[in-house]
Amino acid sequence: MSSACWKRFSGNASLHKRIAHMALSVEEKAQIVTDYQQAVGDTGSPEVQVALLTANINKLQGHFKANGKDHHSRRGLIRMVNQRRKLLDYLKGKDVSRYSALIGRLGLRR
């Protein structure tokens, strides 16, 4: 970010507050990774990626209840949902038992 842009961002407390409520904190991400990792240090397995996307999607649901006309963020939400769907399709083709276990743990309808 340029310094002028950063000054505008840092001076706008309400914008910073809204962005903080939309993203997962470092602690939340670390907890999700430890809960869903297949081995120590695993951050790239489909289970971890789907769990992180699901947490982000669930967190954004509250944002859209308060801000129904935020179409720019809705586009990002749709991209996350599509990415999660692709990862779930990949996992289903690779190992159905892992897919079923993950769906059950996350409470997804698929």
PDB file of N, CA and C in Angstrom:
ATOM      1  N   MET A   1       0.840  -1.189   0.000  1.00  0.00           N
ATOM      2  CA  MET A   1       0.000   0.000   0.000  1.00  0.00           C
ATOM      3  C   MET A   1       0.876   1.240   0.000  1.00  0.00           C
ATOM      4  N   SER A   2       0.439   2.246  -0.718  1.00  0.00           N
ATOM      5  CA  SER A   2       1.179   3.493  -0.696  1.00  0.00           C
ATOM      6  C   SER A   2       0.948   4.183   0.638  1.00  0.00           C
ATOM      7  N   SER A   3       1.838   5.093   0.983  1.00  0.00           N
ATOM      8  CA  SER A   3       1.732   5.749   2.285  1.00  0.00           C
ATOM      9  C   SER A   3       0.465   6.601   2.379  1.00  0.00           C
ATOM     10  N   ALA A   4       0.062   7.238   1.273  1.00  0.00           N
ATOM     11  CA  ALA A   4      -1.156   8.048   1.303  1.00  0.00           C
ATOM     12  C   ALA A   4      -2.381   7.175   1.523  1.00  0.00           C
ATOM     13  N   CYS A   5      -2.392   6.026   0.867  1.00  0.00           N
ATOM     14  CA  CYS A   5      -3.517   5.104   1.026  1.00  0.00           C
ATOM     15  C   CYS A   5      -3.554   4.565   2.449  1.00  0.00           C
ATOM     16  N   TRP A   6      -2.395   4.220   2.994  1.00  0.00           N
ATOM     17  CA  TRP A   6      -2.336   3.687   4.352  1.00  0.00           C
ATOM     18  C   TRP A   6      -2.798   4.722   5.368  1.00  0.00           C
ATOM     19  N   LYS A   7      -2.453   5.994   5.152  1.00  0.00           N
ATOM     20  CA  LYS A   7      -2.882   7.044   6.075  1.00  0.00           C
ATOM     21  C   LYS A   7      -4.401   7.148   6.083  1.00  0.00           C
ATOM     22  N   ARG A   8      -5.016   7.047   4.898  1.00  0.00           N
ATOM     23  CA  ARG A   8      -6.477   7.094   4.847  1.00  0.00           C
ATOM     24  C   ARG A   8      -7.076   5.893   5.552  1.00  0.00           C
ATOM     25  N   PHE A   9      -6.489   4.726   5.364  1.00  0.00           N
ATOM     26  CA  PHE A   9      -7.008   3.513   5.989  1.00  0.00           C
ATOM     27  C   PHE A   9      -6.835   3.564   7.506  1.00  0.00           C
ATOM     28  N   SER A  10      -5.653   3.962   7.968  1.00  0.00           N
ATOM     29  CA  SER A  10      -5.394   3.953   9.405  1.00  0.00           C
ATOM     30  C   SER A  10      -6.203   5.021  10.126  1.00  0.00           C
ATOM     31  N   GLY A  11      -6.589   6.077   9.425  1.00  0.00           N
ATOM     32  CA  GLY A  11      -7.383   7.119  10.046  1.00  0.00           C
ATOM     33  C   GLY A  11      -8.863   6.795  10.105  1.00  0.00           C
ATOM     34  N   ASN A  12      -9.295   5.760   9.420  1.00  0.00           N
ATOM     35  CA  ASN A  12     -10.704   5.410   9.357  1.00  0.00           C
ATOM     36  C   ASN A  12     -10.960   4.206  10.260  1.00  0.00           C
ATOM     37  N   ALA A  13     -11.283   4.467  11.501  1.00  0.00           N
ATOM     38  CA  ALA A  13     -11.449   3.401  12.492  1.00  0.00           C
ATOM     39  C   ALA A  13     -12.636   2.502  12.171  1.00  0.00           C
ATOM     40  N   SER A  14     -13.707   3.068  11.636  1.00  0.00           N
ATOM     41  CA  SER A  14     -14.877   2.241  11.350  1.00  0.00           C
ATOM     42  C   SER A  14     -14.589   1.253  10.220  1.00  0.00           C
ATOM     43  N   LEU A  15     -13.828   1.669   9.221  1.00  0.00           N
ATOM     44  CA  LEU A  15     -13.456   0.760   8.137  1.00  0.00           C
ATOM     45  C   LEU A  15     -12.580  -0.366   8.672  1.00  0.00           C
ATOM     46  N   HIS A  16     -11.616  -0.025   9.495  1.00  0.00           N
ATOM     47  CA  HIS A  16     -10.738  -1.035  10.084  1.00  0.00           C
ATOM     48  C   HIS A  16     -11.543  -2.019  10.921  1.00  0.00           C
ATOM     49  N   LYS A  17     -12.524  -1.531  11.648  1.00  0.00           N
ATOM     50  CA  LYS A  17     -13.365  -2.384  12.490  1.00  0.00           C
ATOM     51  C   LYS A  17     -14.190  -3.343  11.633  1.00  0.00           C
ATOM     52  N   ARG A  18     -14.733  -2.846  10.514  1.00  0.00           N
ATOM     53  CA  ARG A  18     -15.529  -3.704   9.633  1.00  0.00           C
ATOM     54  C   ARG A  18     -14.669  -4.787   9.001  1.00  0.00           C
ATOM     55  N   ILE A  19     -13.468  -4.433   8.571  1.00  0.00           N
ATOM     56  CA  ILE A  19     -12.589  -5.418   7.949  1.00  0.00           C
ATOM     57  C   ILE A  19     -12.157  -6.455   8.971  1.00  0.00           C
ATOM     58  N   ALA A  20     -11.905  -6.046  10.197  1.00  0.00           N
ATOM     59  CA  ALA A  20     -11.488  -6.985  11.233  1.00  0.00           C
ATOM     60  C   ALA A  20     -12.584  -7.997  11.524  1.00  0.00           C
ATOM     61  N   HIS A  21     -13.836  -7.609  11.409  1.00  0.00           N
ATOM     62  CA  HIS A  21     -14.932  -8.535  11.671  1.00  0.00           C
ATOM     63  C   HIS A  21     -15.163  -9.493  10.505  1.00  0.00           C
ATOM     64  N   MET A  22     -14.656  -9.179   9.335  1.00  0.00           N
ATOM     65  CA  MET A  22     -14.885 -10.017   8.169  1.00  0.00           C
ATOM     66  C   MET A  22     -13.833 -11.107   8.022  1.00  0.00           C
ATOM     67  N   ALA A  23     -12.645 -10.904   8.563  1.00  0.00           N
ATOM     68  CA  ALA A  23     -11.554 -11.856   8.371  1.00  0.00           C
ATOM     69  C   ALA A  23     -11.335 -12.685   9.631  1.00  0.00           C
ATOM     70  N   LEU A  24     -10.772 -13.867   9.441  1.00  0.00           N
ATOM     71  CA  LEU A  24     -10.431 -14.716  10.576  1.00  0.00           C
ATOM     72  C   LEU A  24      -9.158 -14.197  11.230  1.00  0.00           C
ATOM     73  N   SER A  25      -9.097 -14.283  12.543  1.00  0.00           N
ATOM     74  CA  SER A  25      -7.892 -13.867  13.244  1.00  0.00           C
ATOM     75  C   SER A  25      -6.828 -14.951  13.121  1.00  0.00           C
ATOM     76  N   VAL A  26      -5.614 -14.609  13.458  1.00  0.00           N
ATOM     77  CA  VAL A  26      -4.504 -15.552  13.386  1.00  0.00           C
ATOM     78  C   VAL A  26      -4.756 -16.733  14.320  1.00  0.00           C
ATOM     79  N   GLU A  27      -5.304 -16.460  15.491  1.00  0.00           N
ATOM     80  CA  GLU A  27      -5.578 -17.524  16.458  1.00  0.00           C
ATOM     81  C   GLU A  27      -6.654 -18.480  15.943  1.00  0.00           C
ATOM     82  N   GLU A  28      -7.697 -17.920  15.316  1.00  0.00           N
ATOM     83  CA  GLU A  28      -8.757 -18.760  14.756  1.00  0.00           C
ATOM     84  C   GLU A  28      -8.213 -19.660  13.648  1.00  0.00           C
ATOM     85  N   LYS A  29      -7.377 -19.095  12.780  1.00  0.00           N
ATOM     86  CA  LYS A  29      -6.782 -19.888  11.705  1.00  0.00           C
ATOM     87  C   LYS A  29      -5.908 -21.001  12.268  1.00  0.00           C
ATOM     88  N   ALA A  30      -5.085 -20.663  13.259  1.00  0.00           N
ATOM     89  CA  ALA A  30      -4.195 -21.666  13.845  1.00  0.00           C
ATOM     90  C   ALA A  30      -4.992 -22.794  14.483  1.00  0.00           C
ATOM     91  N   GLN A  31      -6.093 -22.465  15.144  1.00  0.00           N
ATOM     92  CA  GLN A  31      -6.925 -23.487  15.773  1.00  0.00           C
ATOM     93  C   GLN A  31      -7.555 -24.403  14.726  1.00  0.00           C
ATOM     94  N   ILE A  32      -8.031 -23.835  13.647  1.00  0.00           N
ATOM     95  CA  ILE A  32      -8.635 -24.635  12.579  1.00  0.00           C
ATOM     96  C   ILE A  32      -7.591 -25.552  11.952  1.00  0.00           C
ATOM     97  N   VAL A  33      -6.391 -25.026  11.712  1.00  0.00           N
ATOM     98  CA  VAL A  33      -5.329 -25.836  11.116  1.00  0.00           C
ATOM     99  C   VAL A  33      -4.984 -27.007  12.024  1.00  0.00           C
ATOM    100  N   THR A  34      -4.845 -26.764  13.325  1.00  0.00           N
ATOM    101  CA  THR A  34      -4.501 -27.866  14.234  1.00  0.00           C
ATOM    102  C   THR A  34      -5.640 -28.873  14.344  1.00  0.00           C
ATOM    103  N   ASP A  35      -6.875 -28.434  14.222  1.00  0.00           N
ATOM    104  CA  ASP A  35      -8.010 -29.355  14.316  1.00  0.00           C
ATOM    105  C   ASP A  35      -8.133 -30.260  13.091  1.00  0.00           C
ATOM    106  N   TYR A  36      -7.778 -29.777  11.917  1.00  0.00           N
ATOM    107  CA  TYR A  36      -8.036 -30.508  10.678  1.00  0.00           C
ATOM    108  C   TYR A  36      -6.781 -31.020   9.973  1.00  0.00           C
ATOM    109  N   GLN A  37      -5.590 -30.755  10.492  1.00  0.00           N
ATOM    110  CA  GLN A  37      -4.380 -31.195   9.799  1.00  0.00           C
ATOM    111  C   GLN A  37      -4.226 -32.710   9.852  1.00  0.00           C
ATOM    112  N   GLN A  38      -3.635 -33.263   8.806  1.00  0.00           N
ATOM    113  CA  GLN A  38      -3.409 -34.703   8.704  1.00  0.00           C
ATOM    114  C   GLN A  38      -2.115 -35.111   9.403  1.00  0.00           C
ATOM    115  N   ALA A  39      -1.124 -34.220   9.418  1.00  0.00           N
ATOM    116  CA  ALA A  39       0.156 -34.451  10.078  1.00  0.00           C
ATOM    117  C   ALA A  39       0.640 -33.109  10.621  1.00  0.00           C
ATOM    118  N   VAL A  40       1.639 -33.142  11.472  1.00  0.00           N
ATOM    119  CA  VAL A  40       2.166 -31.907  12.049  1.00  0.00           C
ATOM    120  C   VAL A  40       2.713 -31.024  10.932  1.00  0.00           C
ATOM    121  N   GLY A  41       2.312 -29.768  10.932  1.00  0.00           N
ATOM    122  CA  GLY A  41       2.775 -28.822   9.923  1.00  0.00           C
ATOM    123  C   GLY A  41       1.974 -28.839   8.633  1.00  0.00           C
ATOM    124  N   ASP A  42       0.905 -29.602   8.589  1.00  0.00           N
ATOM    125  CA  ASP A  42       0.084 -29.706   7.379  1.00  0.00           C
ATOM    126  C   ASP A  42      -0.864 -28.519   7.303  1.00  0.00           C
ATOM    127  N   THR A  43      -0.673 -27.688   6.281  1.00  0.00           N
ATOM    128  CA  THR A  43      -1.581 -26.559   6.078  1.00  0.00           C
ATOM    129  C   THR A  43      -2.219 -26.587   4.699  1.00  0.00           C
ATOM    130  N   GLY A  44      -1.807 -27.528   3.850  1.00  0.00           N
ATOM    131  CA  GLY A  44      -2.275 -27.524   2.477  1.00  0.00           C
ATOM    132  C   GLY A  44      -3.204 -28.654   2.104  1.00  0.00           C
ATOM    133  N   SER A  45      -3.502 -29.543   3.035  1.00  0.00           N
ATOM    134  CA  SER A  45      -4.386 -30.653   2.690  1.00  0.00           C
ATOM    135  C   SER A  45      -5.788 -30.121   2.402  1.00  0.00           C
ATOM    136  N   PRO A  46      -6.559 -30.849   1.601  1.00  0.00           N
ATOM    137  CA  PRO A  46      -7.909 -30.383   1.278  1.00  0.00           C
ATOM    138  C   PRO A  46      -8.776 -30.175   2.520  1.00  0.00           C
ATOM    139  N   GLU A  47      -8.590 -31.007   3.539  1.00  0.00           N
ATOM    140  CA  GLU A  47      -9.388 -30.867   4.756  1.00  0.00           C
ATOM    141  C   GLU A  47      -9.151 -29.517   5.422  1.00  0.00           C
ATOM    142  N   VAL A  48      -7.880 -29.120   5.522  1.00  0.00           N
ATOM    143  CA  VAL A  48      -7.546 -27.833   6.148  1.00  0.00           C
ATOM    144  C   VAL A  48      -8.080 -26.686   5.303  1.00  0.00           C
ATOM    145  N   GLN A  49      -7.884 -26.767   3.996  1.00  0.00           N
ATOM    146  CA  GLN A  49      -8.341 -25.690   3.123  1.00  0.00           C
ATOM    147  C   GLN A  49      -9.858 -25.537   3.162  1.00  0.00           C
ATOM    148  N   VAL A  50     -10.577 -26.658   3.139  1.00  0.00           N
ATOM    149  CA  VAL A  50     -12.044 -26.599   3.182  1.00  0.00           C
ATOM    150  C   VAL A  50     -12.506 -26.055   4.527  1.00  0.00           C
ATOM    151  N   ALA A  51     -11.855 -26.461   5.613  1.00  0.00           N
ATOM    152  CA  ALA A  51     -12.243 -25.974   6.938  1.00  0.00           C
ATOM    153  C   ALA A  51     -12.022 -24.467   7.052  1.00  0.00           C
ATOM    154  N   LEU A  52     -10.906 -23.966   6.525  1.00  0.00           N
ATOM    155  CA  LEU A  52     -10.646 -22.524   6.562  1.00  0.00           C
ATOM    156  C   LEU A  52     -11.659 -21.759   5.709  1.00  0.00           C
ATOM    157  N   LEU A  53     -11.948 -22.275   4.530  1.00  0.00           N
ATOM    158  CA  LEU A  53     -12.945 -21.620   3.676  1.00  0.00           C
ATOM    159  C   LEU A  53     -14.318 -21.623   4.337  1.00  0.00           C
ATOM    160  N   THR A  54     -14.682 -22.733   4.984  1.00  0.00           N
ATOM    161  CA  THR A  54     -15.980 -22.815   5.653  1.00  0.00           C
ATOM    162  C   THR A  54     -16.067 -21.808   6.788  1.00  0.00           C
ATOM    163  N   ALA A  55     -14.989 -21.666   7.554  1.00  0.00           N
ATOM    164  CA  ALA A  55     -14.987 -20.687   8.644  1.00  0.00           C
ATOM    165  C   ALA A  55     -15.126 -19.268   8.098  1.00  0.00           C
ATOM    166  N   ASN A  56     -14.413 -18.967   7.007  1.00  0.00           N
ATOM    167  CA  ASN A  56     -14.534 -17.645   6.383  1.00  0.00           C
ATOM    168  C   ASN A  56     -15.946 -17.408   5.867  1.00  0.00           C
ATOM    169  N   ILE A  57     -16.525 -18.407   5.235  1.00  0.00           N
ATOM    170  CA  ILE A  57     -17.881 -18.282   4.689  1.00  0.00           C
ATOM    171  C   ILE A  57     -18.883 -18.058   5.812  1.00  0.00           C
ATOM    172  N   ASN A  58     -18.758 -18.816   6.883  1.00  0.00           N
ATOM    173  CA  ASN A  58     -19.673 -18.658   8.014  1.00  0.00           C
ATOM    174  C   ASN A  58     -19.535 -17.284   8.661  1.00  0.00           C
ATOM    175  N   LYS A  59     -18.305 -16.777   8.723  1.00  0.00           N
ATOM    176  CA  LYS A  59     -18.095 -15.460   9.319  1.00  0.00           C
ATOM    177  C   LYS A  59     -18.689 -14.358   8.434  1.00  0.00           C
ATOM    178  N   LEU A  60     -18.612 -14.536   7.136  1.00  0.00           N
ATOM    179  CA  LEU A  60     -19.168 -13.534   6.224  1.00  0.00           C
ATOM    180  C   LEU A  60     -20.692 -13.524   6.225  1.00  0.00           C
ATOM    181  N   GLN A  61     -21.322 -14.609   6.615  1.00  0.00           N
ATOM    182  CA  GLN A  61     -22.786 -14.649   6.655  1.00  0.00           C
ATOM    183  C   GLN A  61     -23.331 -13.555   7.575  1.00  0.00           C
ATOM    184  N   GLY A  62     -22.700 -13.361   8.720  1.00  0.00           N
ATOM    185  CA  GLY A  62     -23.125 -12.299   9.634  1.00  0.00           C
ATOM    186  C   GLY A  62     -22.944 -10.917   9.033  1.00  0.00           C
ATOM    187  N   HIS A  63     -21.880 -10.745   8.264  1.00  0.00           N
ATOM    188  CA  HIS A  63     -21.636  -9.458   7.614  1.00  0.00           C
ATOM    189  C   HIS A  63     -22.752  -9.139   6.624  1.00  0.00           C
ATOM    190  N   PHE A  64     -23.222 -10.145   5.894  1.00  0.00           N
ATOM    191  CA  PHE A  64     -24.253  -9.900   4.887  1.00  0.00           C
ATOM    192  C   PHE A  64     -25.626  -9.702   5.499  1.00  0.00           C
ATOM    193  N   LYS A  65     -25.844 -10.178   6.709  1.00  0.00           N
ATOM    194  CA  LYS A  65     -27.109  -9.878   7.384  1.00  0.00           C
ATOM    195  C   LYS A  65     -27.194  -8.397   7.711  1.00  0.00           C
ATOM    196  N   ALA A  66     -26.067  -7.805   8.071  1.00  0.00           N
ATOM    197  CA  ALA A  66     -26.044  -6.382   8.404  1.00  0.00           C
ATOM    198  C   ALA A  66     -25.854  -5.500   7.171  1.00  0.00           C
ATOM    199  N   ASN A  67     -25.193  -6.019   6.141  1.00  0.00           N
ATOM    200  CA  ASN A  67     -24.857  -5.228   4.951  1.00  0.00           C
ATOM    201  C   ASN A  67     -25.318  -5.965   3.701  1.00  0.00           C
ATOM    202  N   GLY A  68     -26.600  -5.968   3.478  1.00  0.00           N
ATOM    203  CA  GLY A  68     -27.169  -6.730   2.376  1.00  0.00           C
ATOM    204  C   GLY A  68     -26.777  -6.252   0.995  1.00  0.00           C
ATOM    205  N   LYS A  69     -26.384  -4.995   0.855  1.00  0.00           N
ATOM    206  CA  LYS A  69     -26.072  -4.446  -0.464  1.00  0.00           C
ATOM    207  C   LYS A  69     -24.576  -4.425  -0.766  1.00  0.00           C
ATOM    208  N   ASP A  70     -23.791  -5.123   0.016  1.00  0.00           N
ATOM    209  CA  ASP A  70     -22.343  -5.164  -0.194  1.00  0.00           C
ATOM    210  C   ASP A  70     -22.029  -6.188  -1.286  1.00  0.00           C
ATOM    211  N   HIS A  71     -22.184  -5.773  -2.531  1.00  0.00           N
ATOM    212  CA  HIS A  71     -22.042  -6.692  -3.655  1.00  0.00           C
ATOM    213  C   HIS A  71     -20.589  -7.058  -3.934  1.00  0.00           C
ATOM    214  N   HIS A  72     -19.659  -6.179  -3.608  1.00  0.00           N
ATOM    215  CA  HIS A  72     -18.247  -6.494  -3.830  1.00  0.00           C
ATOM    216  C   HIS A  72     -17.807  -7.649  -2.932  1.00  0.00           C
ATOM    217  N   SER A  73     -18.205  -7.620  -1.686  1.00  0.00           N
ATOM    218  CA  SER A  73     -17.859  -8.715  -0.781  1.00  0.00           C
ATOM    219  C   SER A  73     -18.622  -9.980  -1.140  1.00  0.00           C
ATOM    220  N   ARG A  74     -19.825  -9.832  -1.650  1.00  0.00           N
ATOM    221  CA  ARG A  74     -20.605 -11.003  -2.056  1.00  0.00           C
ATOM    222  C   ARG A  74     -19.899 -11.759  -3.186  1.00  0.00           C
ATOM    223  N   ARG A  75     -19.264 -11.022  -4.073  1.00  0.00           N
ATOM    224  CA  ARG A  75     -18.513 -11.669  -5.149  1.00  0.00           C
ATOM    225  C   ARG A  75     -17.374 -12.505  -4.569  1.00  0.00           C
ATOM    226  N   GLY A  76     -16.693 -11.971  -3.565  1.00  0.00           N
ATOM    227  CA  GLY A  76     -15.641 -12.735  -2.901  1.00  0.00           C
ATOM    228  C   GLY A  76     -16.194 -13.967  -2.208  1.00  0.00           C
ATOM    229  N   LEU A  77     -17.375 -13.831  -1.617  1.00  0.00           N
ATOM    230  CA  LEU A  77     -18.021 -14.973  -0.966  1.00  0.00           C
ATOM    231  C   LEU A  77     -18.333 -16.065  -1.984  1.00  0.00           C
ATOM    232  N   ILE A  78     -18.841 -15.682  -3.131  1.00  0.00           N
ATOM    233  CA  ILE A  78     -19.167 -16.662  -4.167  1.00  0.00           C
ATOM    234  C   ILE A  78     -17.903 -17.372  -4.646  1.00  0.00           C
ATOM    235  N   ARG A  79     -16.798 -16.644  -4.755  1.00  0.00           N
ATOM    236  CA  ARG A  79     -15.531 -17.275  -5.141  1.00  0.00           C
ATOM    237  C   ARG A  79     -15.090 -18.288  -4.092  1.00  0.00           C
ATOM    238  N   MET A  80     -15.267 -17.949  -2.811  1.00  0.00           N
ATOM    239  CA  MET A  80     -14.900 -18.886  -1.744  1.00  0.00           C
ATOM    240  C   MET A  80     -15.762 -20.142  -1.785  1.00  0.00           C
ATOM    241  N   VAL A  81     -17.057 -19.968  -2.001  1.00  0.00           N
ATOM    242  CA  VAL A  81     -17.964 -21.115  -2.070  1.00  0.00           C
ATOM    243  C   VAL A  81     -17.583 -22.015  -3.243  1.00  0.00           C
ATOM    244  N   ASN A  82     -17.261 -21.420  -4.392  1.00  0.00           N
ATOM    245  CA  ASN A  82     -16.856 -22.209  -5.554  1.00  0.00           C
ATOM    246  C   ASN A  82     -15.542 -22.938  -5.312  1.00  0.00           C
ATOM    247  N   GLN A  83     -14.591 -22.272  -4.664  1.00  0.00           N
ATOM    248  CA  GLN A  83     -13.310 -22.914  -4.360  1.00  0.00           C
ATOM    249  C   GLN A  83     -13.515 -24.084  -3.403  1.00  0.00           C
ATOM    250  N   ARG A  84     -14.378 -23.906  -2.411  1.00  0.00           N
ATOM    251  CA  ARG A  84     -14.673 -24.988  -1.471  1.00  0.00           C
ATOM    252  C   ARG A  84     -15.330 -26.162  -2.195  1.00  0.00           C
ATOM    253  N   ARG A  85     -16.249 -25.866  -3.102  1.00  0.00           N
ATOM    254  CA  ARG A  85     -16.912 -26.918  -3.872  1.00  0.00           C
ATOM    255  C   ARG A  85     -15.904 -27.710  -4.696  1.00  0.00           C
ATOM    256  N   LYS A  86     -14.967 -27.011  -5.340  1.00  0.00           N
ATOM    257  CA  LYS A  86     -13.951 -27.688  -6.140  1.00  0.00           C
ATOM    258  C   LYS A  86     -13.064 -28.576  -5.268  1.00  0.00           C
ATOM    259  N   LEU A  87     -12.666 -28.082  -4.111  1.00  0.00           N
ATOM    260  CA  LEU A  87     -11.837 -28.884  -3.209  1.00  0.00           C
ATOM    261  C   LEU A  87     -12.595 -30.107  -2.705  1.00  0.00           C
ATOM    262  N   LEU A  88     -13.882 -29.936  -2.409  1.00  0.00           N
ATOM    263  CA  LEU A  88     -14.684 -31.075  -1.955  1.00  0.00           C
ATOM    264  C   LEU A  88     -14.856 -32.101  -3.074  1.00  0.00           C
ATOM    265  N   ASP A  89     -15.045 -31.641  -4.301  1.00  0.00           N
ATOM    266  CA  ASP A  89     -15.142 -32.565  -5.432  1.00  0.00           C
ATOM    267  C   ASP A  89     -13.834 -33.335  -5.613  1.00  0.00           C
ATOM    268  N   TYR A  90     -12.705 -32.643  -5.462  1.00  0.00           N
ATOM    269  CA  TYR A  90     -11.398 -33.294  -5.561  1.00  0.00           C
ATOM    270  C   TYR A  90     -11.249 -34.362  -4.480  1.00  0.00           C
ATOM    271  N   LEU A  91     -11.589 -34.012  -3.255  1.00  0.00           N
ATOM    272  CA  LEU A  91     -11.447 -34.951  -2.146  1.00  0.00           C
ATOM    273  C   LEU A  91     -12.383 -36.140  -2.315  1.00  0.00           C
ATOM    274  N   LYS A  92     -13.576 -35.895  -2.824  1.00  0.00           N
ATOM    275  CA  LYS A  92     -14.532 -36.981  -3.052  1.00  0.00           C
ATOM    276  C   LYS A  92     -14.000 -37.966  -4.090  1.00  0.00           C
ATOM    277  N   GLY A  93     -13.356 -37.466  -5.122  1.00  0.00           N
ATOM    278  CA  GLY A  93     -12.776 -38.332  -6.141  1.00  0.00           C
ATOM    279  C   GLY A  93     -11.544 -39.074  -5.662  1.00  0.00           C
ATOM    280  N   LYS A  94     -10.828 -38.476  -4.726  1.00  0.00           N
ATOM    281  CA  LYS A  94      -9.583 -39.074  -4.249  1.00  0.00           C
ATOM    282  C   LYS A  94      -9.822 -40.086  -3.137  1.00  0.00           C
ATOM    283  N   ASP A  95     -10.658 -39.726  -2.146  1.00  0.00           N
ATOM    284  CA  ASP A  95     -10.886 -40.602  -0.994  1.00  0.00           C
ATOM    285  C   ASP A  95     -12.266 -40.299  -0.407  1.00  0.00           C
ATOM    286  N   VAL A  96     -13.226 -41.157  -0.677  1.00  0.00           N
ATOM    287  CA  VAL A  96     -14.616 -40.920  -0.273  1.00  0.00           C
ATOM    288  C   VAL A  96     -14.766 -40.938   1.247  1.00  0.00           C
ATOM    289  N   SER A  97     -13.997 -41.769   1.940  1.00  0.00           N
ATOM    290  CA  SER A  97     -14.130 -41.841   3.401  1.00  0.00           C
ATOM    291  C   SER A  97     -13.673 -40.537   4.058  1.00  0.00           C
ATOM    292  N   ARG A  98     -12.572 -39.953   3.567  1.00  0.00           N
ATOM    293  CA  ARG A  98     -12.117 -38.658   4.100  1.00  0.00           C
ATOM    294  C   ARG A  98     -13.139 -37.572   3.790  1.00  0.00           C
ATOM    295  N   TYR A  99     -13.712 -37.630   2.597  1.00  0.00           N
ATOM    296  CA  TYR A  99     -14.742 -36.675   2.189  1.00  0.00           C
ATOM    297  C   TYR A  99     -15.947 -36.754   3.127  1.00  0.00           C
ATOM    298  N   SER A 100     -16.430 -37.965   3.373  1.00  0.00           N
ATOM    299  CA  SER A 100     -17.602 -38.153   4.239  1.00  0.00           C
ATOM    300  C   SER A 100     -17.323 -37.687   5.659  1.00  0.00           C
ATOM    301  N   ALA A 101     -16.129 -37.999   6.155  1.00  0.00           N
ATOM    302  CA  ALA A 101     -15.768 -37.580   7.510  1.00  0.00           C
ATOM    303  C   ALA A 101     -15.715 -36.055   7.615  1.00  0.00           C
ATOM    304  N   LEU A 102     -15.151 -35.410   6.606  1.00  0.00           N
ATOM    305  CA  LEU A 102     -15.040 -33.948   6.623  1.00  0.00           C
ATOM    306  C   LEU A 102     -16.410 -33.290   6.545  1.00  0.00           C
ATOM    307  N   ILE A 103     -17.272 -33.795   5.685  1.00  0.00           N
ATOM    308  CA  ILE A 103     -18.623 -33.243   5.554  1.00  0.00           C
ATOM    309  C   ILE A 103     -19.366 -33.359   6.887  1.00  0.00           C
ATOM    310  N   GLY A 104     -19.211 -34.503   7.533  1.00  0.00           N
ATOM    311  CA  GLY A 104     -19.863 -34.705   8.828  1.00  0.00           C
ATOM    312  C   GLY A 104     -19.333 -33.772   9.897  1.00  0.00           C
ATOM    313  N   ARG A 105     -18.010 -33.587   9.923  1.00  0.00           N
ATOM    314  CA  ARG A 105     -17.410 -32.704  10.932  1.00  0.00           C
ATOM    315  C   ARG A 105     -17.813 -31.249  10.748  1.00  0.00           C
ATOM    316  N   LEU A 106     -17.879 -30.825   9.489  1.00  0.00           N
ATOM    317  CA  LEU A 106     -18.197 -29.420   9.213  1.00  0.00           C
ATOM    318  C   LEU A 106     -19.695 -29.148   9.189  1.00  0.00           C
ATOM    319  N   GLY A 107     -20.488 -30.197   9.102  1.00  0.00           N
ATOM    320  CA  GLY A 107     -21.936 -30.009   9.071  1.00  0.00           C
ATOM    321  C   GLY A 107     -22.434 -29.443   7.756  1.00  0.00           C
ATOM    322  N   LEU A 108     -21.776 -29.807   6.657  1.00  0.00           N
ATOM    323  CA  LEU A 108     -22.209 -29.348   5.342  1.00  0.00           C
ATOM    324  C   LEU A 108     -23.268 -30.292   4.802  1.00  0.00           C
ATOM    325  N   ARG A 109     -24.107 -29.793   3.919  1.00  0.00           N
ATOM    326  CA  ARG A 109     -25.260 -30.557   3.440  1.00  0.00           C
ATOM    327  C   ARG A 109     -24.931 -31.567   2.365  1.00  0.00           C
ATOM    328  N   ARG A 110     -23.779 -31.493   1.760  1.00  0.00           N
ATOM    329  CA  ARG A 110     -23.475 -32.334   0.592  1.00  0.00           C
ATOM    330  C   ARG A 110     -23.528 -33.784   0.891  1.00  0.00           C
TER     331      ARG A 110
END
